[in-house]
Amino acid sequence: MGITSKPVVFAVLAAVVILIGTTVTVFIPLLMPSTQPVSAYIKPYTAVEQEGRDIYMREGCNNCHTQTVRPLRTEVLRYGEYSKPEEFAYDRPFLWGSRRTGPDLNRVGGKYPDSWHYKHLDSPQSMFEKSNMPPYGWLAKNRLDIQYSFKKTSTLGYGYSESDVHKQIDQYRATVTDDNYPSKESRSKVTPRELQKELTEMDALIAYLQKLGRDVKMMEAAK
């Protein structure tokens, strides 16, 4: 009698073979350096940028905006240098997306000043009349919740100490609330007076948007 005449044994052996094959072809490669490219130019998100990323996901921005530029001539001409594997080393989860109801944002960092983002988030139609993006001005009315900032960066393995996280938050707060902040006028127009010396959810979201593609631009410039 062959093994095919013993259904239970056959099923067990088949399951073992499948598990071995899955381990060899899926899980082992995940731990190999070749599948985890890194670059000295790609830096982890700061605590404020990570908070902004969480807000970005919370509000479903990734449902309308992709974050991956394919190596196609038309896309490179419109958005900039095509996406590199190493730039997503700290993205958990990645936000590549597949729908472009709005433009791709993988290279938006540094493309516009902060003032542009304050105006655009407050009223997209004031910048693009036919935009179907909803307004997010209310984000400037929400104080940024930072009670879990260190826990987030620690869990994600960014390597920051608790003092590093507090320093990043204090430095960014000092930047956007400084009287010499280049985007002070735009920020003041959308931020309530009682929050103008605090960090808001809009501040954090803009910090995240300004991070996108910035490290890759430095990496490409250094070549």
N, C-alpha and C. Protein backbone atom coordinates (compact mmCIF):
# COMPACT_ATOMS: atom_id res chain seq x y z
N MET A 1 0.84 -1.20 0.00
CA MET A 1 0.00 0.00 0.00
C MET A 1 0.88 1.25 0.00
N GLY A 2 0.53 2.21 -0.86
CA GLY A 2 1.30 3.44 -0.95
C GLY A 2 0.83 4.48 0.05
N ILE A 3 1.60 5.57 0.13
CA ILE A 3 1.24 6.63 1.08
C ILE A 3 -0.08 7.30 0.74
N THR A 4 -0.45 7.25 -0.55
CA THR A 4 -1.71 7.87 -0.96
C THR A 4 -2.92 7.13 -0.41
N SER A 5 -2.71 5.91 0.07
CA SER A 5 -3.83 5.15 0.63
C SER A 5 -4.00 5.43 2.12
N LYS A 6 -3.13 6.29 2.66
CA LYS A 6 -3.23 6.67 4.07
C LYS A 6 -3.45 8.19 4.14
N PRO A 7 -4.70 8.64 4.04
CA PRO A 7 -5.01 10.07 3.94
C PRO A 7 -4.48 10.92 5.09
N VAL A 8 -4.52 10.40 6.32
CA VAL A 8 -4.07 11.18 7.46
C VAL A 8 -2.56 11.41 7.39
N VAL A 9 -1.82 10.33 7.12
CA VAL A 9 -0.36 10.43 6.99
C VAL A 9 0.01 11.34 5.83
N PHE A 10 -0.69 11.17 4.73
CA PHE A 10 -0.42 11.99 3.54
C PHE A 10 -0.66 13.48 3.84
N ALA A 11 -1.75 13.78 4.57
CA ALA A 11 -2.08 15.17 4.90
C ALA A 11 -1.01 15.78 5.81
N VAL A 12 -0.53 14.99 6.79
CA VAL A 12 0.49 15.48 7.72
C VAL A 12 1.79 15.75 6.98
N LEU A 13 2.21 14.79 6.13
CA LEU A 13 3.45 14.96 5.38
C LEU A 13 3.36 16.15 4.42
N ALA A 14 2.20 16.30 3.79
CA ALA A 14 2.00 17.43 2.88
C ALA A 14 2.11 18.76 3.62
N ALA A 15 1.52 18.81 4.82
CA ALA A 15 1.58 20.03 5.62
C ALA A 15 3.01 20.35 6.03
N VAL A 16 3.79 19.32 6.39
CA VAL A 16 5.19 19.51 6.78
C VAL A 16 6.00 20.06 5.61
N VAL A 17 5.81 19.47 4.44
CA VAL A 17 6.53 19.92 3.24
C VAL A 17 6.18 21.38 2.91
N ILE A 18 4.89 21.72 3.02
CA ILE A 18 4.46 23.09 2.72
C ILE A 18 5.07 24.07 3.72
N LEU A 19 5.10 23.68 5.01
CA LEU A 19 5.68 24.56 6.02
C LEU A 19 7.17 24.78 5.81
N ILE A 20 7.87 23.70 5.44
CA ILE A 20 9.29 23.83 5.15
C ILE A 20 9.52 24.74 3.95
N GLY A 21 8.75 24.52 2.90
CA GLY A 21 8.87 25.36 1.70
C GLY A 21 8.57 26.82 1.99
N THR A 22 7.53 27.06 2.81
CA THR A 22 7.16 28.43 3.16
C THR A 22 8.27 29.10 3.96
N THR A 23 8.85 28.37 4.90
CA THR A 23 9.93 28.91 5.72
C THR A 23 11.14 29.29 4.88
N VAL A 24 11.49 28.39 3.95
CA VAL A 24 12.67 28.61 3.11
C VAL A 24 12.47 29.75 2.13
N THR A 25 11.29 29.84 1.56
CA THR A 25 11.05 30.83 0.50
C THR A 25 10.50 32.17 1.00
N VAL A 26 9.94 32.21 2.21
CA VAL A 26 9.33 33.45 2.70
C VAL A 26 10.03 33.99 3.93
N PHE A 27 10.09 33.23 4.99
CA PHE A 27 10.56 33.75 6.27
C PHE A 27 12.08 33.93 6.34
N ILE A 28 12.84 32.97 5.84
CA ILE A 28 14.30 33.10 5.87
C ILE A 28 14.77 34.31 5.04
N PRO A 29 14.23 34.51 3.82
CA PRO A 29 14.65 35.69 3.05
C PRO A 29 14.34 37.02 3.75
N LEU A 30 13.29 37.03 4.59
CA LEU A 30 12.95 38.26 5.30
C LEU A 30 14.07 38.72 6.23
N LEU A 31 14.88 37.77 6.69
CA LEU A 31 15.95 38.07 7.63
C LEU A 31 17.30 38.27 6.96
N MET A 32 17.35 38.12 5.66
CA MET A 32 18.61 38.26 4.94
C MET A 32 18.88 39.73 4.63
N PRO A 33 20.12 40.19 4.74
CA PRO A 33 20.47 41.59 4.48
C PRO A 33 20.05 42.07 3.09
N SER A 34 20.09 41.19 2.11
CA SER A 34 19.76 41.59 0.74
C SER A 34 18.31 42.01 0.59
N THR A 35 17.46 41.55 1.51
CA THR A 35 16.04 41.92 1.45
C THR A 35 15.73 43.08 2.38
N GLN A 36 16.74 43.59 3.08
CA GLN A 36 16.55 44.71 3.98
C GLN A 36 17.62 45.78 3.72
N PRO A 37 17.60 46.38 2.53
CA PRO A 37 18.61 47.38 2.20
C PRO A 37 18.53 48.59 3.12
N VAL A 38 19.68 49.11 3.48
CA VAL A 38 19.73 50.28 4.36
C VAL A 38 20.65 51.33 3.74
N SER A 39 20.51 52.53 4.21
CA SER A 39 21.36 53.63 3.74
C SER A 39 21.62 54.56 4.91
N ALA A 40 22.83 55.05 4.99
CA ALA A 40 23.19 55.99 6.07
C ALA A 40 22.42 57.29 5.95
N TYR A 41 21.87 57.56 4.76
CA TYR A 41 21.14 58.79 4.55
C TYR A 41 19.70 58.72 5.04
N ILE A 42 19.17 57.51 5.15
CA ILE A 42 17.79 57.34 5.57
C ILE A 42 17.71 57.32 7.09
N LYS A 43 17.06 58.32 7.66
CA LYS A 43 16.97 58.46 9.11
C LYS A 43 15.58 58.09 9.61
N PRO A 44 15.49 57.56 10.82
CA PRO A 44 14.16 57.27 11.40
C PRO A 44 13.36 58.55 11.55
N TYR A 45 12.05 58.41 11.61
CA TYR A 45 11.19 59.57 11.86
C TYR A 45 11.47 60.10 13.26
N THR A 46 11.43 61.40 13.41
CA THR A 46 11.51 61.97 14.75
C THR A 46 10.18 61.69 15.45
N ALA A 47 10.13 61.97 16.73
CA ALA A 47 8.89 61.73 17.48
C ALA A 47 7.73 62.53 16.90
N VAL A 48 7.99 63.78 16.51
CA VAL A 48 6.92 64.63 15.96
C VAL A 48 6.49 64.11 14.59
N GLU A 49 7.45 63.72 13.77
CA GLU A 49 7.13 63.18 12.44
C GLU A 49 6.33 61.89 12.56
N GLN A 50 6.67 61.06 13.55
CA GLN A 50 5.93 59.83 13.75
C GLN A 50 4.49 60.12 14.19
N GLU A 51 4.32 61.10 15.04
CA GLU A 51 2.97 61.49 15.44
C GLU A 51 2.19 61.98 14.21
N GLY A 52 2.87 62.73 13.35
CA GLY A 52 2.22 63.20 12.13
C GLY A 52 1.85 62.05 11.22
N ARG A 53 2.71 61.04 11.15
CA ARG A 53 2.43 59.87 10.33
C ARG A 53 1.19 59.13 10.85
N ASP A 54 1.08 59.04 12.16
CA ASP A 54 -0.09 58.38 12.74
C ASP A 54 -1.37 59.16 12.43
N ILE A 55 -1.28 60.47 12.44
CA ILE A 55 -2.44 61.30 12.09
C ILE A 55 -2.78 61.12 10.62
N TYR A 56 -1.76 61.06 9.78
CA TYR A 56 -1.94 60.82 8.34
C TYR A 56 -2.73 59.54 8.10
N MET A 57 -2.36 58.48 8.82
CA MET A 57 -3.07 57.20 8.68
C MET A 57 -4.45 57.26 9.31
N ARG A 58 -4.55 57.91 10.46
CA ARG A 58 -5.84 58.02 11.16
C ARG A 58 -6.89 58.70 10.29
N GLU A 59 -6.48 59.72 9.55
CA GLU A 59 -7.40 60.47 8.72
C GLU A 59 -7.60 59.85 7.34
N GLY A 60 -6.93 58.72 7.08
CA GLY A 60 -7.14 58.01 5.81
C GLY A 60 -6.51 58.69 4.62
N CYS A 61 -5.49 59.50 4.83
CA CYS A 61 -4.84 60.19 3.71
C CYS A 61 -4.28 59.19 2.69
N ASN A 62 -3.86 58.02 3.20
CA ASN A 62 -3.29 57.00 2.30
C ASN A 62 -4.35 56.36 1.42
N ASN A 63 -5.62 56.65 1.63
CA ASN A 63 -6.67 56.13 0.75
C ASN A 63 -6.73 56.88 -0.57
N CYS A 64 -6.20 58.10 -0.58
CA CYS A 64 -6.24 58.93 -1.79
C CYS A 64 -4.86 59.28 -2.34
N HIS A 65 -3.84 59.13 -1.50
CA HIS A 65 -2.47 59.48 -1.92
C HIS A 65 -1.56 58.26 -1.82
N THR A 66 -0.84 57.98 -2.89
CA THR A 66 0.17 56.93 -2.85
C THR A 66 1.48 57.52 -2.33
N GLN A 67 2.40 56.63 -2.00
CA GLN A 67 3.74 57.06 -1.59
C GLN A 67 4.77 56.15 -2.26
N THR A 68 4.69 56.07 -3.55
CA THR A 68 5.69 55.31 -4.29
C THR A 68 5.74 55.82 -5.73
N VAL A 69 6.92 56.20 -6.15
CA VAL A 69 7.11 56.68 -7.53
C VAL A 69 7.72 55.53 -8.32
N ARG A 70 6.98 55.06 -9.31
CA ARG A 70 7.48 53.95 -10.11
C ARG A 70 8.53 54.44 -11.11
N PRO A 71 9.44 53.54 -11.50
CA PRO A 71 10.51 53.95 -12.43
C PRO A 71 10.01 54.07 -13.86
N LEU A 72 9.01 54.92 -14.03
CA LEU A 72 8.45 55.20 -15.35
C LEU A 72 8.75 56.67 -15.68
N ARG A 73 9.07 56.93 -16.93
CA ARG A 73 9.47 58.28 -17.33
C ARG A 73 8.44 59.34 -16.92
N THR A 74 7.16 59.04 -17.17
CA THR A 74 6.12 60.03 -16.87
C THR A 74 6.03 60.32 -15.37
N GLU A 75 6.22 59.28 -14.55
CA GLU A 75 6.12 59.48 -13.11
C GLU A 75 7.33 60.22 -12.58
N VAL A 76 8.51 59.87 -13.08
CA VAL A 76 9.73 60.54 -12.62
C VAL A 76 9.70 62.01 -13.00
N LEU A 77 9.20 62.31 -14.19
CA LEU A 77 9.12 63.71 -14.62
C LEU A 77 8.15 64.50 -13.74
N ARG A 78 7.07 63.85 -13.31
CA ARG A 78 6.06 64.56 -12.52
C ARG A 78 6.41 64.65 -11.04
N TYR A 79 6.88 63.52 -10.49
CA TYR A 79 7.06 63.46 -9.04
C TYR A 79 8.51 63.53 -8.57
N GLY A 80 9.44 63.16 -9.41
CA GLY A 80 10.84 63.15 -8.99
C GLY A 80 11.42 61.75 -9.01
N GLU A 81 12.61 61.60 -8.45
CA GLU A 81 13.34 60.34 -8.46
C GLU A 81 12.46 59.17 -8.01
N TYR A 82 12.56 58.06 -8.74
CA TYR A 82 11.72 56.90 -8.40
C TYR A 82 12.09 56.35 -7.03
N SER A 83 11.15 55.66 -6.41
CA SER A 83 11.31 55.17 -5.04
C SER A 83 12.39 54.11 -4.93
N LYS A 84 13.11 54.15 -3.81
CA LYS A 84 14.18 53.18 -3.54
C LYS A 84 13.76 52.29 -2.35
N PRO A 85 14.13 51.01 -2.37
CA PRO A 85 13.73 50.10 -1.29
C PRO A 85 14.15 50.58 0.09
N GLU A 86 15.36 51.13 0.20
CA GLU A 86 15.88 51.49 1.51
C GLU A 86 15.14 52.63 2.18
N GLU A 87 14.42 53.45 1.39
CA GLU A 87 13.76 54.59 2.02
C GLU A 87 12.53 54.18 2.83
N PHE A 88 12.11 52.93 2.72
CA PHE A 88 10.96 52.46 3.48
C PHE A 88 11.37 51.62 4.68
N ALA A 89 12.66 51.70 5.05
CA ALA A 89 13.18 50.87 6.14
C ALA A 89 12.47 51.11 7.46
N TYR A 90 11.96 52.32 7.67
CA TYR A 90 11.32 52.65 8.94
C TYR A 90 9.80 52.78 8.81
N ASP A 91 9.25 52.38 7.67
CA ASP A 91 7.81 52.47 7.47
C ASP A 91 7.11 51.21 7.96
N ARG A 92 6.38 51.34 9.04
CA ARG A 92 5.62 50.22 9.58
C ARG A 92 4.24 50.74 9.94
N PRO A 93 3.21 50.49 9.11
CA PRO A 93 3.28 49.78 7.84
C PRO A 93 3.72 50.72 6.72
N PHE A 94 4.06 50.16 5.56
CA PHE A 94 4.37 51.01 4.41
C PHE A 94 3.07 51.58 3.88
N LEU A 95 3.15 52.71 3.21
CA LEU A 95 1.96 53.39 2.71
C LEU A 95 2.04 53.60 1.20
N TRP A 96 2.50 52.55 0.50
CA TRP A 96 2.64 52.68 -0.95
C TRP A 96 1.32 53.03 -1.61
N GLY A 97 0.28 52.33 -1.25
CA GLY A 97 -1.04 52.59 -1.82
C GLY A 97 -1.16 52.21 -3.28
N SER A 98 -2.35 52.35 -3.80
CA SER A 98 -2.60 52.01 -5.20
C SER A 98 -3.53 53.00 -5.88
N ARG A 99 -4.10 53.93 -5.11
CA ARG A 99 -5.04 54.90 -5.69
C ARG A 99 -4.42 56.30 -5.66
N ARG A 100 -4.63 57.02 -6.75
CA ARG A 100 -4.13 58.39 -6.82
C ARG A 100 -5.27 59.34 -7.09
N THR A 101 -6.20 59.37 -6.14
CA THR A 101 -7.24 60.39 -6.23
C THR A 101 -6.57 61.75 -6.11
N GLY A 102 -5.53 61.79 -5.28
CA GLY A 102 -4.67 62.97 -5.17
C GLY A 102 -3.29 62.59 -5.67
N PRO A 103 -2.38 63.54 -5.79
CA PRO A 103 -1.04 63.25 -6.30
C PRO A 103 -0.22 62.38 -5.34
N ASP A 104 0.78 61.71 -5.87
CA ASP A 104 1.69 60.93 -5.05
C ASP A 104 2.47 61.88 -4.14
N LEU A 105 2.74 61.44 -2.91
CA LEU A 105 3.40 62.30 -1.93
C LEU A 105 4.80 61.83 -1.54
N ASN A 106 5.33 60.84 -2.23
CA ASN A 106 6.61 60.28 -1.83
C ASN A 106 7.78 61.26 -1.95
N ARG A 107 7.60 62.33 -2.72
CA ARG A 107 8.66 63.33 -2.90
C ARG A 107 8.19 64.73 -2.53
N VAL A 108 7.16 64.81 -1.69
CA VAL A 108 6.59 66.13 -1.38
C VAL A 108 7.44 66.90 -0.38
N GLY A 109 8.30 66.21 0.38
CA GLY A 109 9.12 66.89 1.38
C GLY A 109 10.01 67.97 0.78
N GLY A 110 9.86 69.18 1.24
CA GLY A 110 10.68 70.29 0.75
C GLY A 110 10.19 70.91 -0.55
N LYS A 111 9.16 70.32 -1.14
CA LYS A 111 8.65 70.86 -2.40
C LYS A 111 7.95 72.19 -2.17
N TYR A 112 7.26 72.31 -1.05
CA TYR A 112 6.56 73.54 -0.68
C TYR A 112 7.01 73.96 0.73
N PRO A 113 6.93 75.25 1.04
CA PRO A 113 7.24 75.69 2.41
C PRO A 113 6.11 75.29 3.36
N ASP A 114 6.38 75.36 4.64
CA ASP A 114 5.34 75.01 5.63
C ASP A 114 4.10 75.87 5.44
N SER A 115 4.28 77.14 5.09
CA SER A 115 3.14 78.05 4.93
C SER A 115 2.15 77.51 3.90
N TRP A 116 2.68 76.92 2.83
CA TRP A 116 1.81 76.35 1.79
C TRP A 116 0.95 75.24 2.39
N HIS A 117 1.55 74.40 3.20
CA HIS A 117 0.82 73.26 3.79
C HIS A 117 -0.24 73.74 4.77
N TYR A 118 0.05 74.79 5.56
CA TYR A 118 -0.96 75.31 6.48
C TYR A 118 -2.18 75.79 5.70
N LYS A 119 -1.93 76.51 4.62
CA LYS A 119 -3.04 77.02 3.81
C LYS A 119 -3.78 75.89 3.11
N HIS A 120 -3.03 74.94 2.57
CA HIS A 120 -3.64 73.85 1.82
C HIS A 120 -4.47 72.94 2.72
N LEU A 121 -3.95 72.58 3.89
CA LEU A 121 -4.70 71.73 4.81
C LEU A 121 -5.95 72.44 5.33
N ASP A 122 -5.83 73.73 5.55
CA ASP A 122 -6.98 74.49 6.03
C ASP A 122 -8.08 74.58 4.98
N SER A 123 -7.69 74.81 3.73
CA SER A 123 -8.67 74.92 2.65
C SER A 123 -8.03 74.52 1.32
N PRO A 124 -8.11 73.25 0.95
CA PRO A 124 -7.50 72.79 -0.30
C PRO A 124 -8.00 73.57 -1.51
N GLN A 125 -9.28 73.94 -1.49
CA GLN A 125 -9.87 74.62 -2.64
C GLN A 125 -9.33 76.04 -2.81
N SER A 126 -8.74 76.60 -1.75
CA SER A 126 -8.15 77.93 -1.88
C SER A 126 -6.86 77.87 -2.68
N MET A 127 -6.29 76.67 -2.76
CA MET A 127 -5.05 76.47 -3.51
C MET A 127 -5.33 75.88 -4.88
N PHE A 128 -6.29 74.94 -4.92
CA PHE A 128 -6.68 74.28 -6.17
C PHE A 128 -8.21 74.27 -6.21
N GLU A 129 -8.77 75.11 -7.01
CA GLU A 129 -10.21 75.34 -7.03
C GLU A 129 -11.03 74.06 -7.20
N LYS A 130 -10.54 73.13 -8.03
CA LYS A 130 -11.31 71.92 -8.32
C LYS A 130 -10.91 70.73 -7.46
N SER A 131 -10.13 70.97 -6.43
CA SER A 131 -9.69 69.88 -5.56
C SER A 131 -10.89 69.26 -4.84
N ASN A 132 -10.90 67.93 -4.76
CA ASN A 132 -11.98 67.26 -4.02
C ASN A 132 -11.52 66.82 -2.63
N MET A 133 -10.37 67.32 -2.21
CA MET A 133 -9.86 67.01 -0.88
C MET A 133 -10.65 67.78 0.18
N PRO A 134 -11.08 67.10 1.24
CA PRO A 134 -11.80 67.80 2.31
C PRO A 134 -10.87 68.69 3.12
N PRO A 135 -11.38 69.74 3.74
CA PRO A 135 -10.54 70.62 4.55
C PRO A 135 -10.15 69.95 5.87
N TYR A 136 -8.95 70.24 6.33
CA TYR A 136 -8.48 69.68 7.60
C TYR A 136 -8.05 70.80 8.55
N GLY A 137 -8.70 71.94 8.44
CA GLY A 137 -8.36 73.06 9.29
C GLY A 137 -8.53 72.77 10.77
N TRP A 138 -9.44 71.86 11.09
CA TRP A 138 -9.71 71.53 12.48
C TRP A 138 -8.51 70.86 13.17
N LEU A 139 -7.56 70.33 12.38
CA LEU A 139 -6.38 69.73 12.98
C LEU A 139 -5.56 70.76 13.76
N ALA A 140 -5.64 72.02 13.31
CA ALA A 140 -4.91 73.10 13.99
C ALA A 140 -5.57 73.47 15.31
N LYS A 141 -6.75 72.95 15.56
CA LYS A 141 -7.48 73.24 16.80
C LYS A 141 -7.32 72.13 17.82
N ASN A 142 -6.54 71.09 17.45
CA ASN A 142 -6.30 69.96 18.35
C ASN A 142 -4.87 69.99 18.86
N ARG A 143 -4.70 70.07 20.17
CA ARG A 143 -3.36 70.00 20.75
C ARG A 143 -2.79 68.60 20.49
N LEU A 144 -1.53 68.52 20.11
CA LEU A 144 -0.91 67.24 19.81
C LEU A 144 -0.73 66.43 21.08
N ASP A 145 -1.22 65.19 21.05
CA ASP A 145 -1.09 64.28 22.19
C ASP A 145 0.27 63.58 22.10
N ILE A 146 1.15 63.85 23.05
CA ILE A 146 2.51 63.30 23.00
C ILE A 146 2.78 62.31 24.13
N GLN A 147 1.73 61.88 24.82
CA GLN A 147 1.96 61.02 25.98
C GLN A 147 2.54 59.66 25.62
N TYR A 148 2.31 59.21 24.37
CA TYR A 148 2.84 57.91 23.97
C TYR A 148 3.97 58.01 22.95
N SER A 149 4.50 59.21 22.75
CA SER A 149 5.51 59.41 21.72
C SER A 149 6.75 58.54 21.94
N PHE A 150 7.25 58.50 23.16
CA PHE A 150 8.43 57.69 23.42
C PHE A 150 8.12 56.21 23.25
N LYS A 151 6.98 55.78 23.73
CA LYS A 151 6.61 54.37 23.61
C LYS A 151 6.53 53.96 22.14
N LYS A 152 6.02 54.84 21.30
CA LYS A 152 5.91 54.55 19.86
C LYS A 152 7.30 54.40 19.23
N THR A 153 8.16 55.37 19.45
CA THR A 153 9.48 55.31 18.82
C THR A 153 10.30 54.15 19.38
N SER A 154 10.08 53.81 20.64
CA SER A 154 10.79 52.69 21.25
C SER A 154 10.32 51.36 20.66
N THR A 155 9.00 51.21 20.53
CA THR A 155 8.43 49.99 19.96
C THR A 155 8.86 49.79 18.51
N LEU A 156 8.96 50.89 17.78
CA LEU A 156 9.34 50.83 16.37
C LEU A 156 10.85 50.69 16.18
N GLY A 157 11.60 50.75 17.25
CA GLY A 157 13.05 50.52 17.18
C GLY A 157 13.84 51.65 16.57
N TYR A 158 13.43 52.89 16.81
CA TYR A 158 14.15 54.02 16.23
C TYR A 158 15.44 54.34 16.96
N GLY A 159 15.60 53.81 18.16
CA GLY A 159 16.85 54.02 18.90
C GLY A 159 16.93 55.31 19.68
N TYR A 160 15.81 56.00 19.89
CA TYR A 160 15.83 57.24 20.65
C TYR A 160 15.63 56.96 22.14
N SER A 161 16.33 57.70 22.96
CA SER A 161 16.09 57.63 24.40
C SER A 161 14.91 58.53 24.72
N GLU A 162 14.41 58.43 25.94
CA GLU A 162 13.27 59.26 26.32
C GLU A 162 13.64 60.74 26.27
N SER A 163 14.88 61.05 26.66
CA SER A 163 15.33 62.44 26.61
C SER A 163 15.44 62.93 25.16
N ASP A 164 15.83 62.03 24.25
CA ASP A 164 15.90 62.39 22.82
C ASP A 164 14.52 62.79 22.32
N VAL A 165 13.54 62.00 22.70
CA VAL A 165 12.16 62.26 22.25
C VAL A 165 11.67 63.61 22.79
N HIS A 166 11.92 63.87 24.07
CA HIS A 166 11.49 65.16 24.65
C HIS A 166 12.21 66.31 23.96
N LYS A 167 13.49 66.11 23.64
CA LYS A 167 14.26 67.16 22.98
C LYS A 167 13.71 67.44 21.58
N GLN A 168 13.38 66.38 20.84
CA GLN A 168 12.82 66.55 19.49
C GLN A 168 11.51 67.33 19.54
N ILE A 169 10.67 66.98 20.50
CA ILE A 169 9.38 67.65 20.63
C ILE A 169 9.58 69.12 21.01
N ASP A 170 10.46 69.37 21.98
CA ASP A 170 10.71 70.75 22.42
C ASP A 170 11.32 71.59 21.30
N GLN A 171 12.23 70.99 20.53
CA GLN A 171 12.88 71.72 19.45
C GLN A 171 11.88 72.09 18.35
N TYR A 172 11.00 71.14 18.02
CA TYR A 172 10.03 71.44 16.96
C TYR A 172 9.02 72.48 17.45
N ARG A 173 8.62 72.37 18.73
CA ARG A 173 7.70 73.36 19.29
C ARG A 173 8.35 74.75 19.25
N ALA A 174 9.63 74.81 19.61
CA ALA A 174 10.33 76.09 19.60
C ALA A 174 10.42 76.66 18.18
N THR A 175 10.58 75.78 17.20
CA THR A 175 10.69 76.23 15.80
C THR A 175 9.40 76.87 15.32
N VAL A 176 8.27 76.16 15.49
CA VAL A 176 7.01 76.65 14.92
C VAL A 176 6.38 77.77 15.74
N THR A 177 6.81 77.95 16.97
CA THR A 177 6.24 79.02 17.79
C THR A 177 7.16 80.24 17.87
N ASP A 178 8.31 80.15 17.23
CA ASP A 178 9.25 81.27 17.24
C ASP A 178 8.69 82.43 16.42
N ASP A 179 8.93 83.64 16.89
CA ASP A 179 8.44 84.82 16.17
C ASP A 179 9.08 84.96 14.80
N ASN A 180 10.26 84.34 14.60
CA ASN A 180 10.95 84.44 13.32
C ASN A 180 10.67 83.22 12.42
N TYR A 181 9.75 82.38 12.82
CA TYR A 181 9.38 81.23 12.00
C TYR A 181 8.85 81.73 10.65
N PRO A 182 9.45 81.31 9.53
CA PRO A 182 9.05 81.84 8.22
C PRO A 182 7.56 81.67 7.89
N SER A 183 6.94 80.66 8.48
CA SER A 183 5.52 80.42 8.19
C SER A 183 4.62 80.86 9.33
N LYS A 184 5.11 81.76 10.16
CA LYS A 184 4.37 82.21 11.34
C LYS A 184 2.99 82.79 10.97
N GLU A 185 2.95 83.60 9.94
CA GLU A 185 1.69 84.25 9.57
C GLU A 185 0.64 83.22 9.16
N SER A 186 1.03 82.27 8.32
CA SER A 186 0.08 81.25 7.87
C SER A 186 -0.37 80.37 9.02
N ARG A 187 0.58 80.02 9.91
CA ARG A 187 0.23 79.18 11.07
C ARG A 187 -0.72 79.92 12.00
N SER A 188 -0.47 81.20 12.22
CA SER A 188 -1.30 81.98 13.14
C SER A 188 -2.73 82.12 12.63
N LYS A 189 -2.90 82.14 11.33
CA LYS A 189 -4.24 82.30 10.76
C LYS A 189 -5.12 81.07 10.99
N VAL A 190 -4.51 79.90 11.09
CA VAL A 190 -5.32 78.68 11.24
C VAL A 190 -5.29 78.12 12.67
N THR A 191 -4.36 78.60 13.48
CA THR A 191 -4.21 78.07 14.84
C THR A 191 -4.85 79.02 15.85
N PRO A 192 -5.74 78.52 16.71
CA PRO A 192 -6.35 79.37 17.73
C PRO A 192 -5.30 80.00 18.63
N ARG A 193 -5.59 81.19 19.14
CA ARG A 193 -4.63 81.93 19.95
C ARG A 193 -4.12 81.11 21.13
N GLU A 194 -5.02 80.35 21.77
CA GLU A 194 -4.62 79.60 22.96
C GLU A 194 -3.70 78.42 22.64
N LEU A 195 -3.57 78.07 21.36
CA LEU A 195 -2.70 76.95 20.98
C LEU A 195 -1.47 77.38 20.19
N GLN A 196 -1.31 78.66 20.00
CA GLN A 196 -0.22 79.13 19.15
C GLN A 196 1.17 78.91 19.77
N LYS A 197 1.22 78.64 21.07
CA LYS A 197 2.50 78.32 21.71
C LYS A 197 2.62 76.83 21.99
N GLU A 198 1.67 76.06 21.46
CA GLU A 198 1.67 74.62 21.64
C GLU A 198 1.83 73.92 20.29
N LEU A 199 2.11 72.64 20.32
CA LEU A 199 2.13 71.85 19.09
C LEU A 199 0.73 71.33 18.81
N THR A 200 0.31 71.45 17.57
CA THR A 200 -1.01 70.95 17.18
C THR A 200 -0.86 69.75 16.27
N GLU A 201 -1.98 69.10 16.01
CA GLU A 201 -1.96 67.95 15.10
C GLU A 201 -1.57 68.39 13.69
N MET A 202 -1.93 69.60 13.31
CA MET A 202 -1.55 70.09 11.99
C MET A 202 -0.04 70.29 11.90
N ASP A 203 0.56 70.79 12.97
CA ASP A 203 2.02 70.95 13.00
C ASP A 203 2.71 69.62 12.75
N ALA A 204 2.24 68.58 13.44
CA ALA A 204 2.85 67.26 13.33
C ALA A 204 2.65 66.67 11.93
N LEU A 205 1.47 66.85 11.38
CA LEU A 205 1.20 66.33 10.04
C LEU A 205 2.11 66.99 9.01
N ILE A 206 2.31 68.29 9.15
CA ILE A 206 3.19 69.01 8.22
C ILE A 206 4.63 68.55 8.40
N ALA A 207 5.04 68.29 9.63
CA ALA A 207 6.40 67.78 9.88
C ALA A 207 6.59 66.46 9.15
N TYR A 208 5.58 65.61 9.19
CA TYR A 208 5.67 64.32 8.49
C TYR A 208 5.72 64.51 6.98
N LEU A 209 4.88 65.36 6.44
CA LEU A 209 4.88 65.59 4.99
C LEU A 209 6.21 66.14 4.52
N GLN A 210 6.82 67.00 5.32
CA GLN A 210 8.11 67.58 4.95
C GLN A 210 9.25 66.57 5.05
N LYS A 211 9.01 65.46 5.71
CA LYS A 211 10.02 64.40 5.80
C LYS A 211 10.04 63.53 4.55
N LEU A 212 8.89 63.38 3.88
CA LEU A 212 8.76 62.44 2.77
C LEU A 212 9.70 62.77 1.61
N GLY A 213 10.62 61.87 1.34
CA GLY A 213 11.53 62.03 0.21
C GLY A 213 12.74 62.89 0.49
N ARG A 214 12.77 63.53 1.64
CA ARG A 214 13.87 64.46 1.95
C ARG A 214 15.21 63.74 2.03
N ASP A 215 15.24 62.59 2.70
CA ASP A 215 16.49 61.85 2.85
C ASP A 215 16.99 61.32 1.52
N VAL A 216 16.06 60.88 0.68
CA VAL A 216 16.46 60.34 -0.63
C VAL A 216 17.04 61.44 -1.50
N LYS A 217 16.51 62.63 -1.41
CA LYS A 217 17.04 63.76 -2.18
C LYS A 217 18.50 64.04 -1.78
N MET A 218 18.78 63.91 -0.49
CA MET A 218 20.16 64.10 -0.01
C MET A 218 21.05 62.96 -0.49
N MET A 219 20.49 61.74 -0.50
CA MET A 219 21.26 60.57 -0.95
C MET A 219 21.61 60.71 -2.42
N GLU A 220 20.65 61.14 -3.23
CA GLU A 220 20.88 61.29 -4.66
C GLU A 220 21.86 62.43 -4.94
N ALA A 221 21.78 63.49 -4.15
CA ALA A 221 22.67 64.64 -4.35
C ALA A 221 24.11 64.30 -4.01
N ALA A 222 24.29 63.32 -3.14
CA ALA A 222 25.64 62.94 -2.71
C ALA A 222 26.34 62.02 -3.70
N LYS A 223 25.61 61.49 -4.66
CA LYS A 223 26.22 60.56 -5.63
C LYS A 223 27.15 61.30 -6.60
